[in-house]
Amino acid sequence: MENRVTGIFLFLIFTSLNLGANTINTCNSGNHPTKFAEQSVKDKINHDSIILDGYIDIEYNIEGVPKIINVRSIFNDTSAVFRFQTHDQYFNKEYSQVILNKQTADCLRILLYTLYTNHNYLIKDEYRKKYFSCDSYMCTIKMNINGKKINETRNLMHYIFFDEPYNFPFDKIMQLILAITNKIERDILKSRNIKPKAATWITEVFHDRFYEPYDEANSKKQ
């Protein structure tokens, strides 16, 4: 099952990067069709060969979001955890975390590897100096990916009025992080009416299973 899931995900990633093939609209990403190549994947990545150490941190505007105001995906050579912080935890300087299952961790590793192997930034070059809005929706990526050091911080609110401003793998990273966050809101924090629903490809690949069973003991002081 694991190999099948990884194979499906690799197909989604590599064909979406349009590796020299004509493209067709085969998958819907949000409200816009995503282009996928017609040819089969020629090159495969062994996710176990990706050496990745560091984190992705998303900090929301504390006045404008549901219960969770900060999430951080932390990676090392052997594991990946997803740390989250609610309003109350923010003021009490606490956080909770779940351990990402292997499928989720592998997919995020592949996305990050693909993003920073093909690009230097999460944002497309033509949008790097164009932005709107003064609200805060901060994303920080600090990590070492197979020897390449990444240290990037962006206010994602600056780009919300642009059509597809991000390099493709980062779009998928954010969709997956949102799906994990929404599941935590529903299942652990017991929030209702969590929207939007997960992207179609996430539902098909993960079936709403992103992390190991939650244990209250995982809640820690900062």
N, C-alpha and C. Protein backbone atom coordinates (compact mmCIF):
# COMPACT_ATOMS: atom_id res chain seq x y z
N MET A 1 0.83 -1.21 0.00
CA MET A 1 0.00 0.00 0.00
C MET A 1 0.86 1.25 0.00
N GLU A 2 1.94 1.22 0.81
CA GLU A 2 2.82 2.39 0.91
C GLU A 2 3.46 2.71 -0.43
N ASN A 3 3.95 1.67 -1.16
CA ASN A 3 4.58 1.89 -2.45
C ASN A 3 3.59 2.45 -3.45
N ARG A 4 2.34 1.96 -3.39
CA ARG A 4 1.32 2.45 -4.30
C ARG A 4 1.03 3.92 -4.05
N VAL A 5 0.89 4.30 -2.78
CA VAL A 5 0.62 5.70 -2.44
C VAL A 5 1.77 6.58 -2.88
N THR A 6 3.01 6.15 -2.59
CA THR A 6 4.17 6.93 -2.99
C THR A 6 4.25 7.06 -4.50
N GLY A 7 3.92 5.98 -5.22
CA GLY A 7 3.94 6.03 -6.68
C GLY A 7 2.93 7.01 -7.22
N ILE A 8 1.72 7.00 -6.68
CA ILE A 8 0.69 7.95 -7.10
C ILE A 8 1.16 9.38 -6.86
N PHE A 9 1.73 9.58 -5.68
CA PHE A 9 2.16 10.94 -5.34
C PHE A 9 3.29 11.40 -6.23
N LEU A 10 4.26 10.52 -6.50
CA LEU A 10 5.35 10.88 -7.40
C LEU A 10 4.82 11.23 -8.78
N PHE A 11 3.80 10.51 -9.23
CA PHE A 11 3.22 10.83 -10.53
C PHE A 11 2.62 12.23 -10.52
N LEU A 12 1.88 12.54 -9.46
CA LEU A 12 1.28 13.87 -9.36
C LEU A 12 2.34 14.96 -9.37
N ILE A 13 3.43 14.73 -8.65
CA ILE A 13 4.47 15.75 -8.55
C ILE A 13 5.22 15.92 -9.85
N PHE A 14 5.76 14.83 -10.38
CA PHE A 14 6.67 14.97 -11.51
C PHE A 14 5.94 15.32 -12.80
N THR A 15 4.78 14.76 -13.02
CA THR A 15 4.07 15.11 -14.24
C THR A 15 3.57 16.54 -14.19
N SER A 16 3.25 17.03 -13.00
CA SER A 16 2.78 18.40 -12.88
C SER A 16 3.88 19.40 -13.17
N LEU A 17 5.14 18.98 -13.06
CA LEU A 17 6.25 19.87 -13.38
C LEU A 17 6.50 19.94 -14.88
N ASN A 18 5.69 19.18 -15.66
CA ASN A 18 5.74 19.26 -17.12
C ASN A 18 7.13 18.97 -17.66
N LEU A 19 7.58 17.72 -17.47
CA LEU A 19 8.93 17.34 -17.87
C LEU A 19 9.00 17.09 -19.37
N GLY A 20 8.92 18.15 -20.15
CA GLY A 20 9.12 18.05 -21.57
C GLY A 20 7.96 17.46 -22.34
N ALA A 21 6.81 17.31 -21.74
CA ALA A 21 5.69 16.70 -22.44
C ALA A 21 4.61 17.73 -22.71
N ASN A 22 3.74 17.41 -23.68
CA ASN A 22 2.55 18.23 -23.87
C ASN A 22 1.67 18.04 -22.66
N THR A 23 0.88 19.04 -22.32
CA THR A 23 0.10 18.95 -21.09
C THR A 23 -1.39 18.93 -21.38
N ILE A 24 -2.11 18.33 -20.43
CA ILE A 24 -3.55 18.28 -20.51
C ILE A 24 -4.11 18.58 -19.14
N ASN A 25 -5.33 19.07 -19.07
CA ASN A 25 -5.96 19.35 -17.79
C ASN A 25 -6.60 18.07 -17.28
N THR A 26 -6.06 17.52 -16.21
CA THR A 26 -6.57 16.25 -15.72
C THR A 26 -6.94 16.28 -14.25
N CYS A 27 -6.58 17.33 -13.55
CA CYS A 27 -6.80 17.35 -12.11
C CYS A 27 -7.15 18.75 -11.69
N ASN A 28 -8.05 18.87 -10.74
CA ASN A 28 -8.47 20.18 -10.29
C ASN A 28 -7.78 20.52 -9.00
N SER A 29 -7.14 21.69 -8.94
CA SER A 29 -6.46 22.16 -7.75
C SER A 29 -7.12 23.45 -7.31
N GLY A 30 -7.92 23.38 -6.24
CA GLY A 30 -8.68 24.55 -5.85
C GLY A 30 -9.74 24.82 -6.90
N ASN A 31 -9.81 26.07 -7.38
CA ASN A 31 -10.78 26.45 -8.40
C ASN A 31 -10.18 26.45 -9.79
N HIS A 32 -8.91 26.08 -9.93
CA HIS A 32 -8.24 26.14 -11.21
C HIS A 32 -7.74 24.77 -11.60
N PRO A 33 -7.93 24.35 -12.88
CA PRO A 33 -7.37 23.08 -13.31
C PRO A 33 -5.86 23.11 -13.28
N THR A 34 -5.26 22.01 -12.86
CA THR A 34 -3.81 21.90 -12.82
C THR A 34 -3.33 21.12 -14.03
N LYS A 35 -2.24 21.55 -14.65
CA LYS A 35 -1.73 20.88 -15.84
C LYS A 35 -0.85 19.69 -15.44
N PHE A 36 -1.12 18.56 -16.07
CA PHE A 36 -0.31 17.37 -15.86
C PHE A 36 0.19 16.84 -17.19
N ALA A 37 1.40 16.33 -17.21
CA ALA A 37 1.98 15.84 -18.46
C ALA A 37 1.33 14.54 -18.88
N GLU A 38 1.32 14.30 -20.20
CA GLU A 38 0.72 13.09 -20.73
C GLU A 38 1.61 11.87 -20.52
N GLN A 39 2.92 12.06 -20.53
CA GLN A 39 3.82 10.92 -20.44
C GLN A 39 3.92 10.41 -19.02
N SER A 40 4.32 9.15 -18.88
CA SER A 40 4.53 8.56 -17.56
C SER A 40 5.79 9.15 -16.94
N VAL A 41 5.90 8.99 -15.65
CA VAL A 41 7.07 9.51 -14.95
C VAL A 41 8.30 8.72 -15.37
N LYS A 42 9.35 9.42 -15.79
CA LYS A 42 10.58 8.76 -16.22
C LYS A 42 11.58 8.66 -15.08
N ASP A 43 11.65 9.69 -14.28
CA ASP A 43 12.62 9.72 -13.19
C ASP A 43 11.90 9.54 -11.86
N LYS A 44 12.44 8.69 -11.02
CA LYS A 44 11.86 8.45 -9.71
C LYS A 44 12.82 8.92 -8.62
N ILE A 45 12.26 9.46 -7.57
CA ILE A 45 13.08 9.86 -6.42
C ILE A 45 12.92 8.81 -5.33
N ASN A 46 14.01 8.37 -4.79
CA ASN A 46 13.98 7.52 -3.61
C ASN A 46 13.90 8.44 -2.40
N HIS A 47 12.71 8.50 -1.79
CA HIS A 47 12.51 9.46 -0.69
C HIS A 47 13.43 9.18 0.48
N ASP A 48 13.89 7.92 0.62
CA ASP A 48 14.81 7.60 1.71
C ASP A 48 16.19 8.21 1.49
N SER A 49 16.48 8.65 0.26
CA SER A 49 17.78 9.26 -0.03
C SER A 49 17.78 10.76 0.20
N ILE A 50 16.60 11.33 0.50
CA ILE A 50 16.50 12.77 0.74
C ILE A 50 16.91 13.06 2.18
N ILE A 51 18.01 13.76 2.35
CA ILE A 51 18.49 14.15 3.68
C ILE A 51 17.94 15.54 3.97
N LEU A 52 17.02 15.61 4.91
CA LEU A 52 16.30 16.86 5.15
C LEU A 52 16.23 17.11 6.65
N ASP A 53 16.68 18.28 7.05
CA ASP A 53 16.70 18.63 8.47
C ASP A 53 16.28 20.09 8.61
N GLY A 54 15.22 20.35 9.38
CA GLY A 54 14.76 21.73 9.56
C GLY A 54 13.26 21.79 9.76
N TYR A 55 12.66 22.94 9.41
CA TYR A 55 11.23 23.10 9.66
C TYR A 55 10.57 24.08 8.69
N ILE A 56 9.24 23.93 8.61
CA ILE A 56 8.37 24.91 7.95
C ILE A 56 7.47 25.47 9.03
N ASP A 57 7.42 26.77 9.16
CA ASP A 57 6.61 27.41 10.20
C ASP A 57 5.58 28.33 9.54
N ILE A 58 4.31 28.16 9.92
CA ILE A 58 3.23 29.01 9.42
C ILE A 58 2.62 29.74 10.61
N GLU A 59 2.65 31.06 10.58
CA GLU A 59 2.11 31.87 11.68
C GLU A 59 0.96 32.72 11.15
N TYR A 60 -0.24 32.46 11.67
CA TYR A 60 -1.42 33.17 11.21
C TYR A 60 -1.63 34.45 12.01
N ASN A 61 -2.44 35.33 11.45
CA ASN A 61 -2.85 36.54 12.16
C ASN A 61 -3.69 36.12 13.36
N ILE A 62 -3.24 36.45 14.54
CA ILE A 62 -3.88 35.96 15.77
C ILE A 62 -5.33 36.42 15.90
N GLU A 63 -5.70 37.52 15.24
CA GLU A 63 -7.06 38.05 15.36
C GLU A 63 -8.00 37.50 14.30
N GLY A 64 -7.49 36.78 13.31
CA GLY A 64 -8.34 36.44 12.19
C GLY A 64 -8.42 34.97 11.83
N VAL A 65 -8.07 34.06 12.74
CA VAL A 65 -8.06 32.64 12.40
C VAL A 65 -8.83 31.84 13.44
N PRO A 66 -9.14 30.54 13.14
CA PRO A 66 -9.77 29.67 14.14
C PRO A 66 -8.84 29.38 15.31
N LYS A 67 -9.01 28.26 15.95
CA LYS A 67 -8.28 27.98 17.18
C LYS A 67 -6.77 27.93 16.99
N ILE A 68 -6.31 27.33 15.92
CA ILE A 68 -4.87 27.16 15.70
C ILE A 68 -4.28 28.42 15.08
N ILE A 69 -3.25 28.97 15.71
CA ILE A 69 -2.65 30.21 15.20
C ILE A 69 -1.24 30.00 14.69
N ASN A 70 -0.66 28.83 14.95
CA ASN A 70 0.69 28.56 14.48
C ASN A 70 0.86 27.06 14.27
N VAL A 71 1.48 26.69 13.14
CA VAL A 71 1.83 25.29 12.91
C VAL A 71 3.28 25.22 12.46
N ARG A 72 3.95 24.16 12.84
CA ARG A 72 5.35 23.98 12.44
C ARG A 72 5.59 22.50 12.14
N SER A 73 6.03 22.22 10.92
CA SER A 73 6.42 20.87 10.53
C SER A 73 7.92 20.75 10.70
N ILE A 74 8.36 19.82 11.54
CA ILE A 74 9.77 19.69 11.89
C ILE A 74 10.28 18.34 11.37
N PHE A 75 11.40 18.39 10.64
CA PHE A 75 11.95 17.18 10.03
C PHE A 75 13.37 16.93 10.51
N ASN A 76 13.70 15.64 10.65
CA ASN A 76 15.10 15.24 10.74
C ASN A 76 15.26 13.97 9.92
N ASP A 77 16.38 13.31 10.03
CA ASP A 77 16.65 12.15 9.18
C ASP A 77 15.72 10.98 9.45
N THR A 78 15.15 10.91 10.63
CA THR A 78 14.40 9.72 11.01
C THR A 78 12.92 9.96 11.28
N SER A 79 12.49 11.20 11.48
CA SER A 79 11.10 11.43 11.86
C SER A 79 10.63 12.81 11.41
N ALA A 80 9.31 13.01 11.55
CA ALA A 80 8.72 14.31 11.26
C ALA A 80 7.55 14.52 12.20
N VAL A 81 7.50 15.67 12.83
CA VAL A 81 6.40 16.00 13.73
C VAL A 81 5.70 17.26 13.24
N PHE A 82 4.45 17.37 13.62
CA PHE A 82 3.64 18.53 13.26
C PHE A 82 3.21 19.19 14.56
N ARG A 83 3.78 20.34 14.83
CA ARG A 83 3.53 21.06 16.08
C ARG A 83 2.46 22.12 15.83
N PHE A 84 1.53 22.26 16.77
CA PHE A 84 0.48 23.28 16.60
C PHE A 84 0.25 24.02 17.91
N GLN A 85 -0.26 25.22 17.78
CA GLN A 85 -0.43 26.10 18.93
C GLN A 85 -1.78 26.81 18.81
N THR A 86 -2.61 26.70 19.85
CA THR A 86 -3.89 27.38 19.88
C THR A 86 -3.73 28.77 20.51
N HIS A 87 -4.82 29.55 20.50
CA HIS A 87 -4.76 30.87 21.14
C HIS A 87 -4.33 30.76 22.59
N ASP A 88 -4.97 29.85 23.33
CA ASP A 88 -4.64 29.71 24.76
C ASP A 88 -3.19 29.27 24.95
N GLN A 89 -2.74 28.34 24.14
CA GLN A 89 -1.36 27.88 24.26
C GLN A 89 -0.37 28.99 23.93
N TYR A 90 -0.74 29.84 22.99
CA TYR A 90 0.13 30.96 22.62
C TYR A 90 0.41 31.84 23.84
N PHE A 91 -0.63 32.19 24.57
CA PHE A 91 -0.46 33.06 25.73
C PHE A 91 0.16 32.34 26.91
N ASN A 92 -0.01 31.01 26.97
CA ASN A 92 0.58 30.22 28.05
C ASN A 92 1.96 29.67 27.69
N LYS A 93 2.42 30.02 26.48
CA LYS A 93 3.72 29.55 25.98
C LYS A 93 3.82 28.02 25.97
N GLU A 94 2.77 27.39 25.45
CA GLU A 94 2.72 25.94 25.31
C GLU A 94 2.48 25.57 23.85
N TYR A 95 2.62 24.30 23.53
CA TYR A 95 2.25 23.80 22.21
C TYR A 95 1.93 22.32 22.32
N SER A 96 1.30 21.78 21.30
CA SER A 96 1.04 20.34 21.20
C SER A 96 1.61 19.85 19.88
N GLN A 97 1.76 18.54 19.75
CA GLN A 97 2.29 18.03 18.50
C GLN A 97 1.81 16.62 18.23
N VAL A 98 1.81 16.26 16.96
CA VAL A 98 1.52 14.89 16.53
C VAL A 98 2.71 14.42 15.70
N ILE A 99 2.87 13.11 15.63
CA ILE A 99 3.92 12.51 14.81
C ILE A 99 3.33 12.20 13.44
N LEU A 100 3.87 12.77 12.39
CA LEU A 100 3.38 12.50 11.05
C LEU A 100 3.66 11.05 10.68
N ASN A 101 2.67 10.40 10.03
CA ASN A 101 2.94 9.04 9.58
C ASN A 101 3.92 9.07 8.40
N LYS A 102 4.44 7.91 8.04
CA LYS A 102 5.51 7.85 7.04
C LYS A 102 5.05 8.37 5.68
N GLN A 103 3.83 8.06 5.28
CA GLN A 103 3.34 8.52 3.98
C GLN A 103 3.30 10.04 3.91
N THR A 104 2.78 10.67 4.95
CA THR A 104 2.70 12.13 4.97
C THR A 104 4.09 12.75 5.00
N ALA A 105 4.95 12.22 5.86
CA ALA A 105 6.32 12.76 5.96
C ALA A 105 7.06 12.60 4.64
N ASP A 106 6.93 11.43 4.00
CA ASP A 106 7.62 11.20 2.72
C ASP A 106 7.14 12.17 1.65
N CYS A 107 5.83 12.41 1.61
CA CYS A 107 5.29 13.31 0.60
C CYS A 107 5.78 14.74 0.81
N LEU A 108 5.82 15.19 2.04
CA LEU A 108 6.33 16.53 2.32
C LEU A 108 7.82 16.62 1.98
N ARG A 109 8.57 15.57 2.27
CA ARG A 109 9.99 15.56 1.91
C ARG A 109 10.18 15.68 0.40
N ILE A 110 9.39 14.91 -0.35
CA ILE A 110 9.49 14.95 -1.81
C ILE A 110 9.13 16.33 -2.34
N LEU A 111 8.08 16.92 -1.79
CA LEU A 111 7.66 18.26 -2.22
C LEU A 111 8.74 19.30 -1.94
N LEU A 112 9.29 19.26 -0.74
CA LEU A 112 10.34 20.22 -0.39
C LEU A 112 11.59 20.01 -1.25
N TYR A 113 11.96 18.77 -1.45
CA TYR A 113 13.11 18.46 -2.30
C TYR A 113 12.87 18.98 -3.72
N THR A 114 11.67 18.73 -4.25
CA THR A 114 11.35 19.17 -5.61
C THR A 114 11.32 20.68 -5.71
N LEU A 115 10.75 21.34 -4.71
CA LEU A 115 10.68 22.80 -4.71
C LEU A 115 12.07 23.42 -4.78
N TYR A 116 12.94 23.03 -3.87
CA TYR A 116 14.23 23.72 -3.76
C TYR A 116 15.32 23.10 -4.64
N THR A 117 15.02 22.00 -5.31
CA THR A 117 15.93 21.51 -6.34
C THR A 117 15.70 22.27 -7.65
N ASN A 118 14.45 22.64 -7.90
CA ASN A 118 14.10 23.32 -9.15
C ASN A 118 14.04 24.84 -9.01
N HIS A 119 13.97 25.35 -7.77
CA HIS A 119 13.82 26.79 -7.55
C HIS A 119 14.63 27.20 -6.33
N ASN A 120 14.89 28.50 -6.24
CA ASN A 120 15.56 29.04 -5.05
C ASN A 120 14.57 29.61 -4.05
N TYR A 121 13.34 29.86 -4.49
CA TYR A 121 12.34 30.49 -3.63
C TYR A 121 10.99 29.79 -3.79
N LEU A 122 10.15 29.91 -2.77
CA LEU A 122 8.81 29.35 -2.86
C LEU A 122 7.93 30.16 -3.80
N ILE A 123 8.24 31.45 -3.96
CA ILE A 123 7.46 32.35 -4.80
C ILE A 123 8.06 32.39 -6.20
N LYS A 124 7.22 32.54 -7.21
CA LYS A 124 7.73 32.68 -8.57
C LYS A 124 8.50 33.99 -8.70
N ASP A 125 9.53 33.99 -9.54
CA ASP A 125 10.42 35.14 -9.66
C ASP A 125 9.68 36.42 -9.98
N GLU A 126 8.68 36.35 -10.85
CA GLU A 126 7.99 37.57 -11.29
C GLU A 126 7.14 38.21 -10.21
N TYR A 127 6.90 37.48 -9.09
CA TYR A 127 6.07 38.03 -8.01
C TYR A 127 6.87 38.44 -6.78
N ARG A 128 8.16 38.20 -6.80
CA ARG A 128 8.95 38.41 -5.59
C ARG A 128 8.94 39.86 -5.11
N LYS A 129 8.82 40.81 -6.02
CA LYS A 129 8.82 42.23 -5.64
C LYS A 129 7.47 42.88 -5.85
N LYS A 130 6.44 42.07 -6.02
CA LYS A 130 5.09 42.57 -6.18
C LYS A 130 4.23 42.02 -5.05
N TYR A 131 3.54 42.88 -4.35
CA TYR A 131 2.69 42.36 -3.29
C TYR A 131 1.67 43.41 -2.87
N PHE A 132 0.61 42.93 -2.22
CA PHE A 132 -0.43 43.77 -1.66
C PHE A 132 -0.68 43.35 -0.22
N SER A 133 -1.47 44.14 0.50
CA SER A 133 -1.95 43.80 1.84
C SER A 133 -0.88 44.00 2.91
N CYS A 134 -1.33 44.43 4.07
CA CYS A 134 -0.41 44.60 5.20
C CYS A 134 -0.71 43.61 6.32
N ASP A 135 -1.69 42.71 6.11
CA ASP A 135 -1.99 41.70 7.12
C ASP A 135 -0.87 40.67 7.20
N SER A 136 -0.93 39.87 8.24
CA SER A 136 0.17 38.94 8.49
C SER A 136 -0.26 37.49 8.30
N TYR A 137 0.51 36.75 7.52
CA TYR A 137 0.32 35.32 7.31
C TYR A 137 1.70 34.79 6.94
N MET A 138 2.54 34.61 7.95
CA MET A 138 3.96 34.42 7.74
C MET A 138 4.32 32.94 7.53
N CYS A 139 5.18 32.71 6.57
CA CYS A 139 5.73 31.38 6.33
C CYS A 139 7.25 31.46 6.39
N THR A 140 7.85 30.64 7.23
CA THR A 140 9.31 30.57 7.33
C THR A 140 9.75 29.13 7.07
N ILE A 141 10.71 28.97 6.17
CA ILE A 141 11.28 27.66 5.88
C ILE A 141 12.78 27.74 6.16
N LYS A 142 13.21 27.00 7.16
CA LYS A 142 14.63 26.92 7.50
C LYS A 142 15.02 25.45 7.53
N MET A 143 15.87 25.05 6.61
CA MET A 143 16.28 23.65 6.58
C MET A 143 17.47 23.43 5.67
N ASN A 144 18.02 22.25 5.81
CA ASN A 144 19.10 21.78 4.95
C ASN A 144 18.57 20.60 4.16
N ILE A 145 18.56 20.72 2.82
CA ILE A 145 18.05 19.67 1.96
C ILE A 145 19.19 19.13 1.11
N ASN A 146 19.66 17.95 1.45
CA ASN A 146 20.78 17.34 0.73
C ASN A 146 21.94 18.31 0.55
N GLY A 147 22.24 19.07 1.61
CA GLY A 147 23.37 19.99 1.59
C GLY A 147 23.04 21.40 1.17
N LYS A 148 21.85 21.64 0.61
CA LYS A 148 21.45 22.99 0.22
C LYS A 148 20.75 23.66 1.39
N LYS A 149 21.29 24.78 1.85
CA LYS A 149 20.73 25.48 3.00
C LYS A 149 19.63 26.44 2.56
N ILE A 150 18.48 26.32 3.21
CA ILE A 150 17.31 27.15 2.89
C ILE A 150 16.99 28.01 4.10
N ASN A 151 16.80 29.30 3.87
CA ASN A 151 16.37 30.23 4.92
C ASN A 151 15.50 31.28 4.25
N GLU A 152 14.19 31.02 4.22
CA GLU A 152 13.27 31.88 3.48
C GLU A 152 12.07 32.23 4.36
N THR A 153 11.70 33.51 4.38
CA THR A 153 10.52 33.98 5.10
C THR A 153 9.69 34.84 4.17
N ARG A 154 8.38 34.54 4.10
CA ARG A 154 7.47 35.30 3.24
C ARG A 154 6.18 35.58 4.01
N ASN A 155 5.63 36.78 3.78
CA ASN A 155 4.28 37.07 4.25
C ASN A 155 3.33 36.68 3.12
N LEU A 156 2.65 35.55 3.27
CA LEU A 156 1.83 35.01 2.19
C LEU A 156 0.63 35.89 1.88
N MET A 157 0.24 36.75 2.81
CA MET A 157 -0.87 37.67 2.55
C MET A 157 -0.53 38.66 1.44
N HIS A 158 0.75 38.88 1.20
CA HIS A 158 1.16 39.81 0.16
C HIS A 158 0.76 39.35 -1.23
N TYR A 159 0.49 38.06 -1.38
CA TYR A 159 0.31 37.51 -2.72
C TYR A 159 -1.09 36.95 -2.97
N ILE A 160 -2.04 37.22 -2.07
CA ILE A 160 -3.34 36.57 -2.18
C ILE A 160 -4.15 37.04 -3.38
N PHE A 161 -3.83 38.19 -3.94
CA PHE A 161 -4.60 38.69 -5.07
C PHE A 161 -3.98 38.31 -6.42
N PHE A 162 -2.87 37.59 -6.39
CA PHE A 162 -2.25 37.13 -7.63
C PHE A 162 -2.75 35.73 -7.98
N ASP A 163 -2.80 35.44 -9.25
CA ASP A 163 -3.20 34.13 -9.72
C ASP A 163 -1.98 33.21 -9.79
N GLU A 164 -1.96 32.19 -8.94
CA GLU A 164 -0.89 31.20 -8.91
C GLU A 164 0.50 31.83 -8.77
N PRO A 165 0.75 32.54 -7.67
CA PRO A 165 2.06 33.19 -7.50
C PRO A 165 3.16 32.25 -7.02
N TYR A 166 2.80 31.05 -6.54
CA TYR A 166 3.80 30.17 -5.93
C TYR A 166 4.29 29.13 -6.92
N ASN A 167 5.53 28.71 -6.73
CA ASN A 167 6.01 27.57 -7.48
C ASN A 167 5.21 26.33 -7.08
N PHE A 168 4.96 25.48 -8.06
CA PHE A 168 3.99 24.40 -7.91
C PHE A 168 4.14 23.56 -6.64
N PRO A 169 5.33 23.08 -6.30
CA PRO A 169 5.42 22.23 -5.10
C PRO A 169 4.97 22.94 -3.83
N PHE A 170 5.19 24.27 -3.75
CA PHE A 170 4.78 24.98 -2.53
C PHE A 170 3.26 25.02 -2.42
N ASP A 171 2.56 25.16 -3.54
CA ASP A 171 1.10 25.08 -3.50
C ASP A 171 0.65 23.77 -2.86
N LYS A 172 1.28 22.67 -3.25
CA LYS A 172 0.91 21.37 -2.73
C LYS A 172 1.30 21.23 -1.26
N ILE A 173 2.43 21.79 -0.88
CA ILE A 173 2.82 21.79 0.53
C ILE A 173 1.76 22.48 1.37
N MET A 174 1.31 23.65 0.93
CA MET A 174 0.32 24.41 1.70
C MET A 174 -1.02 23.68 1.75
N GLN A 175 -1.41 23.04 0.65
CA GLN A 175 -2.65 22.27 0.66
C GLN A 175 -2.58 21.13 1.67
N LEU A 176 -1.43 20.46 1.73
CA LEU A 176 -1.28 19.35 2.67
C LEU A 176 -1.23 19.84 4.11
N ILE A 177 -0.52 20.93 4.36
CA ILE A 177 -0.48 21.49 5.71
C ILE A 177 -1.87 21.92 6.16
N LEU A 178 -2.64 22.53 5.25
CA LEU A 178 -4.01 22.93 5.59
C LEU A 178 -4.86 21.71 5.92
N ALA A 179 -4.73 20.64 5.17
CA ALA A 179 -5.51 19.43 5.43
C ALA A 179 -5.17 18.84 6.80
N ILE A 180 -3.89 18.82 7.14
CA ILE A 180 -3.47 18.31 8.46
C ILE A 180 -4.02 19.21 9.56
N THR A 181 -3.91 20.52 9.37
CA THR A 181 -4.41 21.48 10.36
C THR A 181 -5.90 21.31 10.57
N ASN A 182 -6.66 21.18 9.49
CA ASN A 182 -8.11 21.02 9.60
C ASN A 182 -8.49 19.73 10.31
N LYS A 183 -7.73 18.66 10.07
CA LYS A 183 -8.03 17.41 10.77
C LYS A 183 -7.78 17.55 12.27
N ILE A 184 -6.71 18.23 12.64
CA ILE A 184 -6.43 18.47 14.06
C ILE A 184 -7.54 19.32 14.67
N GLU A 185 -7.99 20.34 13.94
CA GLU A 185 -9.10 21.18 14.43
C GLU A 185 -10.34 20.33 14.69
N ARG A 186 -10.65 19.42 13.77
CA ARG A 186 -11.85 18.59 13.90
C ARG A 186 -11.70 17.53 14.98
N ASP A 187 -10.62 16.76 14.91
CA ASP A 187 -10.52 15.55 15.72
C ASP A 187 -9.94 15.77 17.11
N ILE A 188 -9.02 16.69 17.24
CA ILE A 188 -8.36 16.92 18.53
C ILE A 188 -8.98 18.10 19.27
N LEU A 189 -9.20 19.19 18.56
CA LEU A 189 -9.75 20.39 19.19
C LEU A 189 -11.26 20.46 19.14
N LYS A 190 -11.89 19.52 18.42
CA LYS A 190 -13.35 19.38 18.36
C LYS A 190 -14.04 20.63 17.82
N SER A 191 -13.41 21.27 16.85
CA SER A 191 -14.03 22.43 16.20
C SER A 191 -15.05 21.95 15.17
N ARG A 192 -16.01 22.79 14.88
CA ARG A 192 -17.05 22.45 13.91
C ARG A 192 -16.95 23.34 12.68
N ASN A 193 -17.55 22.85 11.59
CA ASN A 193 -17.65 23.62 10.35
C ASN A 193 -16.29 24.08 9.84
N ILE A 194 -15.32 23.17 9.85
CA ILE A 194 -13.99 23.48 9.35
C ILE A 194 -14.01 23.50 7.83
N LYS A 195 -13.56 24.61 7.25
CA LYS A 195 -13.52 24.76 5.79
C LYS A 195 -12.18 25.35 5.40
N PRO A 196 -11.76 25.19 4.14
CA PRO A 196 -12.39 24.37 3.09
C PRO A 196 -12.02 22.91 3.25
N LYS A 197 -12.65 22.07 2.44
CA LYS A 197 -12.32 20.65 2.43
C LYS A 197 -10.95 20.45 1.80
N ALA A 198 -10.36 19.30 2.07
CA ALA A 198 -9.05 18.99 1.51
C ALA A 198 -9.12 18.91 0.00
N ALA A 199 -8.03 19.26 -0.67
CA ALA A 199 -7.95 19.14 -2.12
C ALA A 199 -8.18 17.69 -2.53
N THR A 200 -8.71 17.50 -3.73
CA THR A 200 -9.08 16.16 -4.20
C THR A 200 -7.91 15.18 -4.15
N TRP A 201 -6.73 15.62 -4.57
CA TRP A 201 -5.59 14.69 -4.60
C TRP A 201 -5.22 14.23 -3.20
N ILE A 202 -5.41 15.09 -2.20
CA ILE A 202 -5.09 14.71 -0.82
C ILE A 202 -6.06 13.64 -0.32
N THR A 203 -7.34 13.83 -0.61
CA THR A 203 -8.35 12.84 -0.22
C THR A 203 -8.06 11.49 -0.86
N GLU A 204 -7.69 11.51 -2.15
CA GLU A 204 -7.45 10.26 -2.87
C GLU A 204 -6.20 9.54 -2.38
N VAL A 205 -5.20 10.28 -1.97
CA VAL A 205 -3.93 9.66 -1.56
C VAL A 205 -3.94 9.28 -0.09
N PHE A 206 -4.45 10.15 0.79
CA PHE A 206 -4.28 9.96 2.23
C PHE A 206 -5.53 9.45 2.95
N HIS A 207 -6.70 9.67 2.39
CA HIS A 207 -7.93 9.22 3.03
C HIS A 207 -8.04 9.72 4.47
N ASP A 208 -7.63 10.97 4.68
CA ASP A 208 -7.76 11.65 5.98
C ASP A 208 -6.88 11.03 7.07
N ARG A 209 -5.80 10.36 6.67
CA ARG A 209 -4.88 9.78 7.65
C ARG A 209 -3.50 10.42 7.45
N PHE A 210 -3.13 11.29 8.39
CA PHE A 210 -1.90 12.06 8.24
C PHE A 210 -0.88 11.81 9.36
N TYR A 211 -1.35 11.38 10.53
CA TYR A 211 -0.45 11.28 11.68
C TYR A 211 -0.82 10.10 12.56
N GLU A 212 0.11 9.77 13.44
CA GLU A 212 -0.10 8.67 14.38
C GLU A 212 -1.14 9.09 15.43
N PRO A 213 -1.76 8.11 16.11
CA PRO A 213 -2.76 8.44 17.13
C PRO A 213 -2.24 9.48 18.12
N TYR A 214 -3.09 10.45 18.40
CA TYR A 214 -2.70 11.55 19.28
C TYR A 214 -2.73 11.12 20.74
N ASP A 215 -1.74 11.57 21.47
CA ASP A 215 -1.65 11.30 22.91
C ASP A 215 -1.48 12.64 23.61
N GLU A 216 -2.31 12.89 24.60
CA GLU A 216 -2.26 14.17 25.31
C GLU A 216 -0.87 14.44 25.89
N ALA A 217 -0.12 13.36 26.13
CA ALA A 217 1.23 13.52 26.68
C ALA A 217 2.16 14.22 25.71
N ASN A 218 1.75 14.33 24.44
CA ASN A 218 2.59 15.03 23.46
C ASN A 218 2.57 16.54 23.65
N SER A 219 1.68 17.04 24.50
CA SER A 219 1.63 18.47 24.77
C SER A 219 2.82 18.85 25.64
N LYS A 220 3.57 19.87 25.20
CA LYS A 220 4.81 20.21 25.91
C LYS A 220 4.91 21.71 26.13
N LYS A 221 5.77 22.08 27.06
CA LYS A 221 6.13 23.48 27.25
C LYS A 221 7.11 23.90 26.18
N GLN A 222 7.06 25.15 25.80
CA GLN A 222 8.04 25.67 24.85
C GLN A 222 9.35 25.95 25.56
